[in-house]
Amino acid sequence: MNRFTKIASTSLFVALSAAGYSHAATPRTVDEALRSTANPAFNVVELSSLGHRSPILAEYKDLSPASMSARGLHAAIESNRGLDRQLTAENVEVGNIVGAERAADGSFVFYLR
């Protein structure tokens, strides 16, 4: 029984880990949330500050700020006047943002090139 429990719990952890990672918000839903959330909380992360094995770095390192997805993100941010002002106050140039994610607490994380 102990061996079965170990195998079952290991399988459960692996399944939950994969489900959690694949459940990340798609760029479109992040864009929509950015447009509609008034004065959202956010964090800014520079890609150069991440470790070379970071999955976030792997996801965004080859993405240009001029890419289609980044331009859509820029448009979503600029359409939200409060967010645009907050980012400007933090000296964040919207044109340098290459990605964004919604955190579990509802805040946003912006990734800068």
PDB file of N, CA and C in Angstrom:
ATOM      1  N   MET A   1       0.818  -1.188   0.000  1.00  0.00           N
ATOM      2  CA  MET A   1       0.000   0.000   0.000  1.00  0.00           C
ATOM      3  C   MET A   1       0.862   1.252   0.000  1.00  0.00           C
ATOM      4  N   ASN A   2       1.966   1.223   0.718  1.00  0.00           N
ATOM      5  CA  ASN A   2       2.854   2.369   0.797  1.00  0.00           C
ATOM      6  C   ASN A   2       3.436   2.694  -0.579  1.00  0.00           C
ATOM      7  N   ARG A   3       3.808   1.672  -1.323  1.00  0.00           N
ATOM      8  CA  ARG A   3       4.361   1.878  -2.656  1.00  0.00           C
ATOM      9  C   ARG A   3       3.313   2.495  -3.581  1.00  0.00           C
ATOM     10  N   PHE A   4       2.101   2.017  -3.493  1.00  0.00           N
ATOM     11  CA  PHE A   4       1.009   2.562  -4.298  1.00  0.00           C
ATOM     12  C   PHE A   4       0.782   4.036  -3.961  1.00  0.00           C
ATOM     13  N   THR A   5       0.808   4.391  -2.693  1.00  0.00           N
ATOM     14  CA  THR A   5       0.601   5.769  -2.257  1.00  0.00           C
ATOM     15  C   THR A   5       1.691   6.683  -2.809  1.00  0.00           C
ATOM     16  N   LYS A   6       2.931   6.216  -2.780  1.00  0.00           N
ATOM     17  CA  LYS A   6       4.031   7.016  -3.304  1.00  0.00           C
ATOM     18  C   LYS A   6       3.865   7.272  -4.800  1.00  0.00           C
ATOM     19  N   ILE A   7       3.516   6.247  -5.532  1.00  0.00           N
ATOM     20  CA  ILE A   7       3.346   6.385  -6.980  1.00  0.00           C
ATOM     21  C   ILE A   7       2.162   7.300  -7.285  1.00  0.00           C
ATOM     22  N   ALA A   8       1.082   7.119  -6.566  1.00  0.00           N
ATOM     23  CA  ALA A   8      -0.105   7.943  -6.802  1.00  0.00           C
ATOM     24  C   ALA A   8       0.161   9.414  -6.475  1.00  0.00           C
ATOM     25  N   SER A   9       0.833   9.673  -5.357  1.00  0.00           N
ATOM     26  CA  SER A   9       1.098  11.065  -4.992  1.00  0.00           C
ATOM     27  C   SER A   9       2.086  11.716  -5.954  1.00  0.00           C
ATOM     28  N   THR A  10       3.067  10.962  -6.414  1.00  0.00           N
ATOM     29  CA  THR A  10       4.011  11.498  -7.390  1.00  0.00           C
ATOM     30  C   THR A  10       3.297  11.831  -8.688  1.00  0.00           C
ATOM     31  N   SER A  11       2.427  10.956  -9.123  1.00  0.00           N
ATOM     32  CA  SER A  11       1.661  11.198 -10.346  1.00  0.00           C
ATOM     33  C   SER A  11       0.779  12.433 -10.200  1.00  0.00           C
ATOM     34  N   LEU A  12       0.193  12.586  -9.036  1.00  0.00           N
ATOM     35  CA  LEU A  12      -0.665  13.740  -8.782  1.00  0.00           C
ATOM     36  C   LEU A  12       0.135  15.037  -8.843  1.00  0.00           C
ATOM     37  N   PHE A  13       1.315  15.074  -8.230  1.00  0.00           N
ATOM     38  CA  PHE A  13       2.148  16.276  -8.267  1.00  0.00           C
ATOM     39  C   PHE A  13       2.573  16.619  -9.683  1.00  0.00           C
ATOM     40  N   VAL A  14       2.935  15.623 -10.458  1.00  0.00           N
ATOM     41  CA  VAL A  14       3.339  15.860 -11.841  1.00  0.00           C
ATOM     42  C   VAL A  14       2.165  16.409 -12.642  1.00  0.00           C
ATOM     43  N   ALA A  15       0.995  15.820 -12.467  1.00  0.00           N
ATOM     44  CA  ALA A  15      -0.188  16.272 -13.204  1.00  0.00           C
ATOM     45  C   ALA A  15      -0.565  17.697 -12.814  1.00  0.00           C
ATOM     46  N   LEU A  16      -0.521  18.004 -11.535  1.00  0.00           N
ATOM     47  CA  LEU A  16      -0.863  19.359 -11.088  1.00  0.00           C
ATOM     48  C   LEU A  16       0.154  20.381 -11.567  1.00  0.00           C
ATOM     49  N   SER A  17       1.412  20.024 -11.588  1.00  0.00           N
ATOM     50  CA  SER A  17       2.439  20.939 -12.069  1.00  0.00           C
ATOM     51  C   SER A  17       2.214  21.260 -13.540  1.00  0.00           C
ATOM     52  N   ALA A  18       1.958  20.255 -14.328  1.00  0.00           N
ATOM     53  CA  ALA A  18       1.717  20.464 -15.758  1.00  0.00           C
ATOM     54  C   ALA A  18       0.446  21.260 -15.983  1.00  0.00           C
ATOM     55  N   ALA A  19      -0.582  20.986 -15.232  1.00  0.00           N
ATOM     56  CA  ALA A  19      -1.846  21.712 -15.388  1.00  0.00           C
ATOM     57  C   ALA A  19      -1.684  23.167 -14.987  1.00  0.00           C
ATOM     58  N   GLY A  20      -0.946  23.434 -13.941  1.00  0.00           N
ATOM     59  CA  GLY A  20      -0.738  24.809 -13.507  1.00  0.00           C
ATOM     60  C   GLY A  20       0.023  25.610 -14.533  1.00  0.00           C
ATOM     61  N   TYR A  21       1.030  25.021 -15.148  1.00  0.00           N
ATOM     62  CA  TYR A  21       1.817  25.728 -16.138  1.00  0.00           C
ATOM     63  C   TYR A  21       1.004  25.950 -17.406  1.00  0.00           C
ATOM     64  N   SER A  22       0.234  24.989 -17.819  1.00  0.00           N
ATOM     65  CA  SER A  22      -0.529  25.130 -19.052  1.00  0.00           C
ATOM     66  C   SER A  22      -1.767  25.994 -18.871  1.00  0.00           C
ATOM     67  N   HIS A  23      -2.110  26.308 -17.637  1.00  0.00           N
ATOM     68  CA  HIS A  23      -3.285  27.117 -17.372  1.00  0.00           C
ATOM     69  C   HIS A  23      -2.977  28.616 -17.410  1.00  0.00           C
ATOM     70  N   ALA A  24      -1.747  28.987 -17.768  1.00  0.00           N
ATOM     71  CA  ALA A  24      -1.386  30.404 -17.833  1.00  0.00           C
ATOM     72  C   ALA A  24      -2.298  31.112 -18.819  1.00  0.00           C
ATOM     73  N   ALA A  25      -2.601  32.352 -18.507  1.00  0.00           N
ATOM     74  CA  ALA A  25      -3.524  33.123 -19.346  1.00  0.00           C
ATOM     75  C   ALA A  25      -2.924  33.341 -20.729  1.00  0.00           C
ATOM     76  N   THR A  26      -3.764  33.265 -21.739  1.00  0.00           N
ATOM     77  CA  THR A  26      -3.314  33.509 -23.096  1.00  0.00           C
ATOM     78  C   THR A  26      -3.119  35.003 -23.295  1.00  0.00           C
ATOM     79  N   PRO A  27      -2.294  35.395 -24.271  1.00  0.00           N
ATOM     80  CA  PRO A  27      -2.077  36.823 -24.496  1.00  0.00           C
ATOM     81  C   PRO A  27      -3.371  37.596 -24.716  1.00  0.00           C
ATOM     82  N   ARG A  28      -4.322  37.000 -25.376  1.00  0.00           N
ATOM     83  CA  ARG A  28      -5.573  37.702 -25.649  1.00  0.00           C
ATOM     84  C   ARG A  28      -6.332  38.006 -24.362  1.00  0.00           C
ATOM     85  N   THR A  29      -6.403  37.048 -23.447  1.00  0.00           N
ATOM     86  CA  THR A  29      -7.125  37.307 -22.201  1.00  0.00           C
ATOM     87  C   THR A  29      -6.377  38.311 -21.341  1.00  0.00           C
ATOM     88  N   VAL A  30      -5.051  38.324 -21.403  1.00  0.00           N
ATOM     89  CA  VAL A  30      -4.275  39.317 -20.667  1.00  0.00           C
ATOM     90  C   VAL A  30      -4.549  40.696 -21.262  1.00  0.00           C
ATOM     91  N   ASP A  31      -4.556  40.801 -22.585  1.00  0.00           N
ATOM     92  CA  ASP A  31      -4.856  42.077 -23.234  1.00  0.00           C
ATOM     93  C   ASP A  31      -6.229  42.596 -22.819  1.00  0.00           C
ATOM     94  N   GLU A  32      -7.211  41.716 -22.823  1.00  0.00           N
ATOM     95  CA  GLU A  32      -8.568  42.116 -22.440  1.00  0.00           C
ATOM     96  C   GLU A  32      -8.621  42.561 -20.989  1.00  0.00           C
ATOM     97  N   ALA A  33      -7.934  41.851 -20.117  1.00  0.00           N
ATOM     98  CA  ALA A  33      -7.917  42.220 -18.703  1.00  0.00           C
ATOM     99  C   ALA A  33      -7.216  43.559 -18.501  1.00  0.00           C
ATOM    100  N   LEU A  34      -6.146  43.809 -19.254  1.00  0.00           N
ATOM    101  CA  LEU A  34      -5.438  45.084 -19.137  1.00  0.00           C
ATOM    102  C   LEU A  34      -6.323  46.249 -19.566  1.00  0.00           C
ATOM    103  N   ARG A  35      -7.126  46.034 -20.572  1.00  0.00           N
ATOM    104  CA  ARG A  35      -8.017  47.096 -21.049  1.00  0.00           C
ATOM    105  C   ARG A  35      -9.100  47.439 -20.027  1.00  0.00           C
ATOM    106  N   SER A  36      -9.558  46.444 -19.303  1.00  0.00           N
ATOM    107  CA  SER A  36     -10.735  46.642 -18.453  1.00  0.00           C
ATOM    108  C   SER A  36     -10.446  46.832 -16.968  1.00  0.00           C
ATOM    109  N   THR A  37      -9.212  46.630 -16.524  1.00  0.00           N
ATOM    110  CA  THR A  37      -8.897  46.744 -15.106  1.00  0.00           C
ATOM    111  C   THR A  37      -8.414  48.153 -14.801  1.00  0.00           C
ATOM    112  N   ALA A  38      -9.155  48.857 -13.955  1.00  0.00           N
ATOM    113  CA  ALA A  38      -8.788  50.229 -13.597  1.00  0.00           C
ATOM    114  C   ALA A  38      -7.689  50.221 -12.534  1.00  0.00           C
ATOM    115  N   ASN A  39      -6.597  50.934 -12.814  1.00  0.00           N
ATOM    116  CA  ASN A  39      -5.463  51.067 -11.892  1.00  0.00           C
ATOM    117  C   ASN A  39      -5.006  49.731 -11.302  1.00  0.00           C
ATOM    118  N   PRO A  40      -4.618  48.797 -12.149  1.00  0.00           N
ATOM    119  CA  PRO A  40      -4.200  47.488 -11.638  1.00  0.00           C
ATOM    120  C   PRO A  40      -2.841  47.539 -10.940  1.00  0.00           C
ATOM    121  N   ALA A  41      -2.650  46.638 -10.018  1.00  0.00           N
ATOM    122  CA  ALA A  41      -1.338  46.462  -9.402  1.00  0.00           C
ATOM    123  C   ALA A  41      -0.461  45.722 -10.405  1.00  0.00           C
ATOM    124  N   PHE A  42       0.825  46.028 -10.406  1.00  0.00           N
ATOM    125  CA  PHE A  42       1.718  45.361 -11.347  1.00  0.00           C
ATOM    126  C   PHE A  42       3.138  45.318 -10.813  1.00  0.00           C
ATOM    127  N   ASN A  43       3.914  44.432 -11.404  1.00  0.00           N
ATOM    128  CA  ASN A  43       5.354  44.325 -11.172  1.00  0.00           C
ATOM    129  C   ASN A  43       6.027  44.369 -12.527  1.00  0.00           C
ATOM    130  N   VAL A  44       7.224  44.902 -12.562  1.00  0.00           N
ATOM    131  CA  VAL A  44       7.993  44.975 -13.799  1.00  0.00           C
ATOM    132  C   VAL A  44       9.256  44.143 -13.617  1.00  0.00           C
ATOM    133  N   VAL A  45       9.517  43.265 -14.571  1.00  0.00           N
ATOM    134  CA  VAL A  45      10.686  42.394 -14.520  1.00  0.00           C
ATOM    135  C   VAL A  45      11.477  42.581 -15.810  1.00  0.00           C
ATOM    136  N   GLU A  46      12.737  42.903 -15.669  1.00  0.00           N
ATOM    137  CA  GLU A  46      13.610  42.986 -16.837  1.00  0.00           C
ATOM    138  C   GLU A  46      14.119  41.586 -17.152  1.00  0.00           C
ATOM    139  N   LEU A  47      14.045  41.212 -18.400  1.00  0.00           N
ATOM    140  CA  LEU A  47      14.476  39.866 -18.797  1.00  0.00           C
ATOM    141  C   LEU A  47      15.936  39.622 -18.439  1.00  0.00           C
ATOM    142  N   SER A  48      16.747  40.661 -18.476  1.00  0.00           N
ATOM    143  CA  SER A  48      18.166  40.497 -18.159  1.00  0.00           C
ATOM    144  C   SER A  48      18.403  40.139 -16.696  1.00  0.00           C
ATOM    145  N   SER A  49      17.394  40.339 -15.846  1.00  0.00           N
ATOM    146  CA  SER A  49      17.552  40.011 -14.426  1.00  0.00           C
ATOM    147  C   SER A  49      17.213  38.555 -14.116  1.00  0.00           C
ATOM    148  N   LEU A  50      16.695  37.836 -15.098  1.00  0.00           N
ATOM    149  CA  LEU A  50      16.306  36.441 -14.883  1.00  0.00           C
ATOM    150  C   LEU A  50      17.478  35.506 -15.137  1.00  0.00           C
ATOM    151  N   GLY A  51      17.483  34.397 -14.446  1.00  0.00           N
ATOM    152  CA  GLY A  51      18.507  33.380 -14.643  1.00  0.00           C
ATOM    153  C   GLY A  51      18.384  32.750 -16.022  1.00  0.00           C
ATOM    154  N   HIS A  52      19.486  32.268 -16.555  1.00  0.00           N
ATOM    155  CA  HIS A  52      19.475  31.714 -17.916  1.00  0.00           C
ATOM    156  C   HIS A  52      18.627  30.450 -18.059  1.00  0.00           C
ATOM    157  N   ARG A  53      18.232  29.832 -16.966  1.00  0.00           N
ATOM    158  CA  ARG A  53      17.372  28.645 -17.023  1.00  0.00           C
ATOM    159  C   ARG A  53      15.910  28.957 -16.728  1.00  0.00           C
ATOM    160  N   SER A  54      15.588  30.212 -16.595  1.00  0.00           N
ATOM    161  CA  SER A  54      14.224  30.613 -16.272  1.00  0.00           C
ATOM    162  C   SER A  54      13.269  30.288 -17.422  1.00  0.00           C
ATOM    163  N   PRO A  55      12.135  29.653 -17.128  1.00  0.00           N
ATOM    164  CA  PRO A  55      11.164  29.384 -18.190  1.00  0.00           C
ATOM    165  C   PRO A  55      10.570  30.672 -18.760  1.00  0.00           C
ATOM    166  N   ILE A  56      10.507  31.704 -17.947  1.00  0.00           N
ATOM    167  CA  ILE A  56      10.006  32.998 -18.424  1.00  0.00           C
ATOM    168  C   ILE A  56      10.970  33.573 -19.455  1.00  0.00           C
ATOM    169  N   LEU A  57      12.266  33.516 -19.156  1.00  0.00           N
ATOM    170  CA  LEU A  57      13.271  34.004 -20.100  1.00  0.00           C
ATOM    171  C   LEU A  57      13.188  33.218 -21.402  1.00  0.00           C
ATOM    172  N   ALA A  58      13.050  31.922 -21.303  1.00  0.00           N
ATOM    173  CA  ALA A  58      12.948  31.087 -22.510  1.00  0.00           C
ATOM    174  C   ALA A  58      11.732  31.476 -23.347  1.00  0.00           C
ATOM    175  N   GLU A  59      10.658  31.846 -22.682  1.00  0.00           N
ATOM    176  CA  GLU A  59       9.425  32.199 -23.402  1.00  0.00           C
ATOM    177  C   GLU A  59       9.535  33.538 -24.123  1.00  0.00           C
ATOM    178  N   TYR A  60      10.213  34.512 -23.507  1.00  0.00           N
ATOM    179  CA  TYR A  60      10.207  35.876 -24.042  1.00  0.00           C
ATOM    180  C   TYR A  60      11.518  36.358 -24.638  1.00  0.00           C
ATOM    181  N   LYS A  61      12.607  35.604 -24.511  1.00  0.00           N
ATOM    182  CA  LYS A  61      13.914  36.118 -24.928  1.00  0.00           C
ATOM    183  C   LYS A  61      14.008  36.408 -26.422  1.00  0.00           C
ATOM    184  N   ASP A  62      13.341  35.651 -27.244  1.00  0.00           N
ATOM    185  CA  ASP A  62      13.411  35.856 -28.687  1.00  0.00           C
ATOM    186  C   ASP A  62      12.264  36.712 -29.216  1.00  0.00           C
ATOM    187  N   LEU A  63      11.436  37.213 -28.326  1.00  0.00           N
ATOM    188  CA  LEU A  63      10.291  38.023 -28.739  1.00  0.00           C
ATOM    189  C   LEU A  63      10.701  39.483 -28.838  1.00  0.00           C
ATOM    190  N   SER A  64      10.456  40.074 -29.960  1.00  0.00           N
ATOM    191  CA  SER A  64      10.803  41.470 -30.194  1.00  0.00           C
ATOM    192  C   SER A  64       9.677  42.384 -29.709  1.00  0.00           C
ATOM    193  N   PRO A  65      10.003  43.572 -29.205  1.00  0.00           N
ATOM    194  CA  PRO A  65       8.951  44.525 -28.840  1.00  0.00           C
ATOM    195  C   PRO A  65       8.115  44.949 -30.043  1.00  0.00           C
ATOM    196  N   ALA A  66       8.620  44.708 -31.253  1.00  0.00           N
ATOM    197  CA  ALA A  66       7.879  45.049 -32.461  1.00  0.00           C
ATOM    198  C   ALA A  66       7.019  43.892 -32.974  1.00  0.00           C
ATOM    199  N   SER A  67       7.030  42.760 -32.279  1.00  0.00           N
ATOM    200  CA  SER A  67       6.237  41.606 -32.719  1.00  0.00           C
ATOM    201  C   SER A  67       4.746  41.915 -32.610  1.00  0.00           C
ATOM    202  N   MET A  68       3.961  41.132 -33.292  1.00  0.00           N
ATOM    203  CA  MET A  68       2.512  41.327 -33.315  1.00  0.00           C
ATOM    204  C   MET A  68       1.919  41.210 -31.904  1.00  0.00           C
ATOM    205  N   SER A  69       2.344  40.210 -31.144  1.00  0.00           N
ATOM    206  CA  SER A  69       1.784  40.030 -29.802  1.00  0.00           C
ATOM    207  C   SER A  69       2.186  41.172 -28.876  1.00  0.00           C
ATOM    208  N   ALA A  70       3.432  41.652 -28.990  1.00  0.00           N
ATOM    209  CA  ALA A  70       3.879  42.772 -28.153  1.00  0.00           C
ATOM    210  C   ALA A  70       3.149  44.055 -28.537  1.00  0.00           C
ATOM    211  N   ARG A  71       2.918  44.263 -29.810  1.00  0.00           N
ATOM    212  CA  ARG A  71       2.184  45.470 -30.234  1.00  0.00           C
ATOM    213  C   ARG A  71       0.750  45.439 -29.736  1.00  0.00           C
ATOM    214  N   GLY A  72       0.134  44.270 -29.726  1.00  0.00           N
ATOM    215  CA  GLY A  72      -1.217  44.153 -29.168  1.00  0.00           C
ATOM    216  C   GLY A  72      -1.233  44.466 -27.682  1.00  0.00           C
ATOM    217  N   LEU A  73      -0.206  44.017 -27.001  1.00  0.00           N
ATOM    218  CA  LEU A  73      -0.061  44.298 -25.577  1.00  0.00           C
ATOM    219  C   LEU A  73       0.126  45.796 -25.347  1.00  0.00           C
ATOM    220  N   HIS A  74       0.958  46.430 -26.166  1.00  0.00           N
ATOM    221  CA  HIS A  74       1.180  47.876 -26.052  1.00  0.00           C
ATOM    222  C   HIS A  74      -0.131  48.640 -26.245  1.00  0.00           C
ATOM    223  N   ALA A  75      -0.910  48.222 -27.234  1.00  0.00           N
ATOM    224  CA  ALA A  75      -2.191  48.888 -27.492  1.00  0.00           C
ATOM    225  C   ALA A  75      -3.144  48.728 -26.310  1.00  0.00           C
ATOM    226  N   ALA A  76      -3.158  47.545 -25.712  1.00  0.00           N
ATOM    227  CA  ALA A  76      -4.024  47.307 -24.558  1.00  0.00           C
ATOM    228  C   ALA A  76      -3.613  48.188 -23.385  1.00  0.00           C
ATOM    229  N   ILE A  77      -2.318  48.321 -23.162  1.00  0.00           N
ATOM    230  CA  ILE A  77      -1.819  49.160 -22.065  1.00  0.00           C
ATOM    231  C   ILE A  77      -2.150  50.620 -22.326  1.00  0.00           C
ATOM    232  N   GLU A  78      -1.910  51.081 -23.545  1.00  0.00           N
ATOM    233  CA  GLU A  78      -2.153  52.479 -23.869  1.00  0.00           C
ATOM    234  C   GLU A  78      -3.634  52.833 -23.831  1.00  0.00           C
ATOM    235  N   SER A  79      -4.503  51.859 -24.036  1.00  0.00           N
ATOM    236  CA  SER A  79      -5.941  52.132 -23.967  1.00  0.00           C
ATOM    237  C   SER A  79      -6.429  52.265 -22.526  1.00  0.00           C
ATOM    238  N   ASN A  80      -5.638  51.788 -21.584  1.00  0.00           N
ATOM    239  CA  ASN A  80      -5.974  51.906 -20.165  1.00  0.00           C
ATOM    240  C   ASN A  80      -5.185  53.098 -19.617  1.00  0.00           C
ATOM    241  N   ARG A  81      -5.825  54.272 -19.589  1.00  0.00           N
ATOM    242  CA  ARG A  81      -5.151  55.518 -19.211  1.00  0.00           C
ATOM    243  C   ARG A  81      -4.490  55.434 -17.832  1.00  0.00           C
ATOM    244  N   GLY A  82      -5.179  54.848 -16.857  1.00  0.00           N
ATOM    245  CA  GLY A  82      -4.620  54.746 -15.518  1.00  0.00           C
ATOM    246  C   GLY A  82      -3.357  53.919 -15.487  1.00  0.00           C
ATOM    247  N   LEU A  83      -3.380  52.789 -16.152  1.00  0.00           N
ATOM    248  CA  LEU A  83      -2.211  51.912 -16.210  1.00  0.00           C
ATOM    249  C   LEU A  83      -1.070  52.589 -16.960  1.00  0.00           C
ATOM    250  N   ASP A  84      -1.382  53.231 -18.070  1.00  0.00           N
ATOM    251  CA  ASP A  84      -0.366  53.930 -18.850  1.00  0.00           C
ATOM    252  C   ASP A  84       0.318  55.003 -17.994  1.00  0.00           C
ATOM    253  N   ARG A  85      -0.448  55.744 -17.221  1.00  0.00           N
ATOM    254  CA  ARG A  85       0.120  56.778 -16.333  1.00  0.00           C
ATOM    255  C   ARG A  85       0.982  56.148 -15.235  1.00  0.00           C
ATOM    256  N   GLN A  86       0.501  55.021 -14.669  1.00  0.00           N
ATOM    257  CA  GLN A  86       1.273  54.348 -13.618  1.00  0.00           C
ATOM    258  C   GLN A  86       2.622  53.866 -14.153  1.00  0.00           C
ATOM    259  N   LEU A  87       2.619  53.270 -15.326  1.00  0.00           N
ATOM    260  CA  LEU A  87       3.868  52.779 -15.918  1.00  0.00           C
ATOM    261  C   LEU A  87       4.814  53.938 -16.234  1.00  0.00           C
ATOM    262  N   THR A  88       4.267  55.036 -16.748  1.00  0.00           N
ATOM    263  CA  THR A  88       5.085  56.207 -17.035  1.00  0.00           C
ATOM    264  C   THR A  88       5.697  56.763 -15.750  1.00  0.00           C
ATOM    265  N   ALA A  89       4.929  56.779 -14.673  1.00  0.00           N
ATOM    266  CA  ALA A  89       5.429  57.254 -13.377  1.00  0.00           C
ATOM    267  C   ALA A  89       6.557  56.372 -12.856  1.00  0.00           C
ATOM    268  N   GLU A  90       6.555  55.097 -13.226  1.00  0.00           N
ATOM    269  CA  GLU A  90       7.612  54.157 -12.816  1.00  0.00           C
ATOM    270  C   GLU A  90       8.775  54.135 -13.818  1.00  0.00           C
ATOM    271  N   ASN A  91       8.740  55.073 -14.788  1.00  0.00           N
ATOM    272  CA  ASN A  91       9.768  55.168 -15.841  1.00  0.00           C
ATOM    273  C   ASN A  91       9.846  53.915 -16.700  1.00  0.00           C
ATOM    274  N   VAL A  92       8.711  53.318 -16.961  1.00  0.00           N
ATOM    275  CA  VAL A  92       8.639  52.147 -17.830  1.00  0.00           C
ATOM    276  C   VAL A  92       8.152  52.615 -19.194  1.00  0.00           C
ATOM    277  N   GLU A  93       8.953  52.365 -20.220  1.00  0.00           N
ATOM    278  CA  GLU A  93       8.551  52.695 -21.574  1.00  0.00           C
ATOM    279  C   GLU A  93       7.751  51.524 -22.133  1.00  0.00           C
ATOM    280  N   VAL A  94       6.506  51.792 -22.447  1.00  0.00           N
ATOM    281  CA  VAL A  94       5.600  50.737 -22.910  1.00  0.00           C
ATOM    282  C   VAL A  94       6.170  50.010 -24.117  1.00  0.00           C
ATOM    283  N   GLY A  95       6.878  50.691 -24.973  1.00  0.00           N
ATOM    284  CA  GLY A  95       7.454  50.080 -26.167  1.00  0.00           C
ATOM    285  C   GLY A  95       8.506  49.028 -25.885  1.00  0.00           C
ATOM    286  N   ASN A  96       9.005  48.956 -24.656  1.00  0.00           N
ATOM    287  CA  ASN A  96      10.008  47.952 -24.298  1.00  0.00           C
ATOM    288  C   ASN A  96       9.397  46.694 -23.683  1.00  0.00           C
ATOM    289  N   ILE A  97       8.101  46.692 -23.488  1.00  0.00           N
ATOM    290  CA  ILE A  97       7.432  45.529 -22.903  1.00  0.00           C
ATOM    291  C   ILE A  97       7.247  44.459 -23.980  1.00  0.00           C
ATOM    292  N   VAL A  98       7.686  43.242 -23.677  1.00  0.00           N
ATOM    293  CA  VAL A  98       7.557  42.148 -24.641  1.00  0.00           C
ATOM    294  C   VAL A  98       6.527  41.115 -24.216  1.00  0.00           C
ATOM    295  N   GLY A  99       6.106  41.146 -22.959  1.00  0.00           N
ATOM    296  CA  GLY A  99       5.129  40.170 -22.497  1.00  0.00           C
ATOM    297  C   GLY A  99       4.505  40.588 -21.184  1.00  0.00           C
ATOM    298  N   ALA A 100       3.390  39.960 -20.884  1.00  0.00           N
ATOM    299  CA  ALA A 100       2.696  40.221 -19.623  1.00  0.00           C
ATOM    300  C   ALA A 100       1.953  38.968 -19.216  1.00  0.00           C
ATOM    301  N   GLU A 101       1.812  38.813 -17.922  1.00  0.00           N
ATOM    302  CA  GLU A 101       1.053  37.690 -17.371  1.00  0.00           C
ATOM    303  C   GLU A 101       0.208  38.203 -16.226  1.00  0.00           C
ATOM    304  N   ARG A 102      -0.856  37.507 -15.965  1.00  0.00           N
ATOM    305  CA  ARG A 102      -1.701  37.831 -14.827  1.00  0.00           C
ATOM    306  C   ARG A 102      -1.314  36.906 -13.684  1.00  0.00           C
ATOM    307  N   ALA A 103      -0.977  37.485 -12.548  1.00  0.00           N
ATOM    308  CA  ALA A 103      -0.589  36.710 -11.371  1.00  0.00           C
ATOM    309  C   ALA A 103      -1.836  36.162 -10.680  1.00  0.00           C
ATOM    310  N   ALA A 104      -1.638  35.220  -9.800  1.00  0.00           N
ATOM    311  CA  ALA A 104      -2.754  34.593  -9.097  1.00  0.00           C
ATOM    312  C   ALA A 104      -3.534  35.587  -8.249  1.00  0.00           C
ATOM    313  N   ASP A 105      -2.868  36.639  -7.781  1.00  0.00           N
ATOM    314  CA  ASP A 105      -3.551  37.630  -6.950  1.00  0.00           C
ATOM    315  C   ASP A 105      -4.267  38.703  -7.770  1.00  0.00           C
ATOM    316  N   GLY A 106      -4.261  38.582  -9.096  1.00  0.00           N
ATOM    317  CA  GLY A 106      -4.958  39.526  -9.961  1.00  0.00           C
ATOM    318  C   GLY A 106      -4.071  40.645 -10.482  1.00  0.00           C
ATOM    319  N   SER A 107      -2.864  40.761  -9.960  1.00  0.00           N
ATOM    320  CA  SER A 107      -1.951  41.787 -10.455  1.00  0.00           C
ATOM    321  C   SER A 107      -1.334  41.313 -11.770  1.00  0.00           C
ATOM    322  N   PHE A 108      -0.596  42.197 -12.400  1.00  0.00           N
ATOM    323  CA  PHE A 108       0.045  41.875 -13.668  1.00  0.00           C
ATOM    324  C   PHE A 108       1.554  41.905 -13.507  1.00  0.00           C
ATOM    325  N   VAL A 109       2.236  41.123 -14.320  1.00  0.00           N
ATOM    326  CA  VAL A 109       3.692  41.133 -14.378  1.00  0.00           C
ATOM    327  C   VAL A 109       4.050  41.491 -15.819  1.00  0.00           C
ATOM    328  N   PHE A 110       4.837  42.559 -15.963  1.00  0.00           N
ATOM    329  CA  PHE A 110       5.282  42.988 -17.282  1.00  0.00           C
ATOM    330  C   PHE A 110       6.747  42.624 -17.446  1.00  0.00           C
ATOM    331  N   TYR A 111       7.078  42.080 -18.602  1.00  0.00           N
ATOM    332  CA  TYR A 111       8.446  41.671 -18.897  1.00  0.00           C
ATOM    333  C   TYR A 111       9.029  42.627 -19.923  1.00  0.00           C
ATOM    334  N   LEU A 112      10.166  43.241 -19.565  1.00  0.00           N
ATOM    335  CA  LEU A 112      10.808  44.240 -20.407  1.00  0.00           C
ATOM    336  C   LEU A 112      12.040  43.694 -21.084  1.00  0.00           C
ATOM    337  N   ARG A 113      12.235  44.105 -22.296  1.00  0.00           N
ATOM    338  CA  ARG A 113      13.457  43.796 -23.045  1.00  0.00           C
ATOM    339  C   ARG A 113      14.513  44.758 -22.586  1.00  0.00           C
TER     340      ARG A 113
END
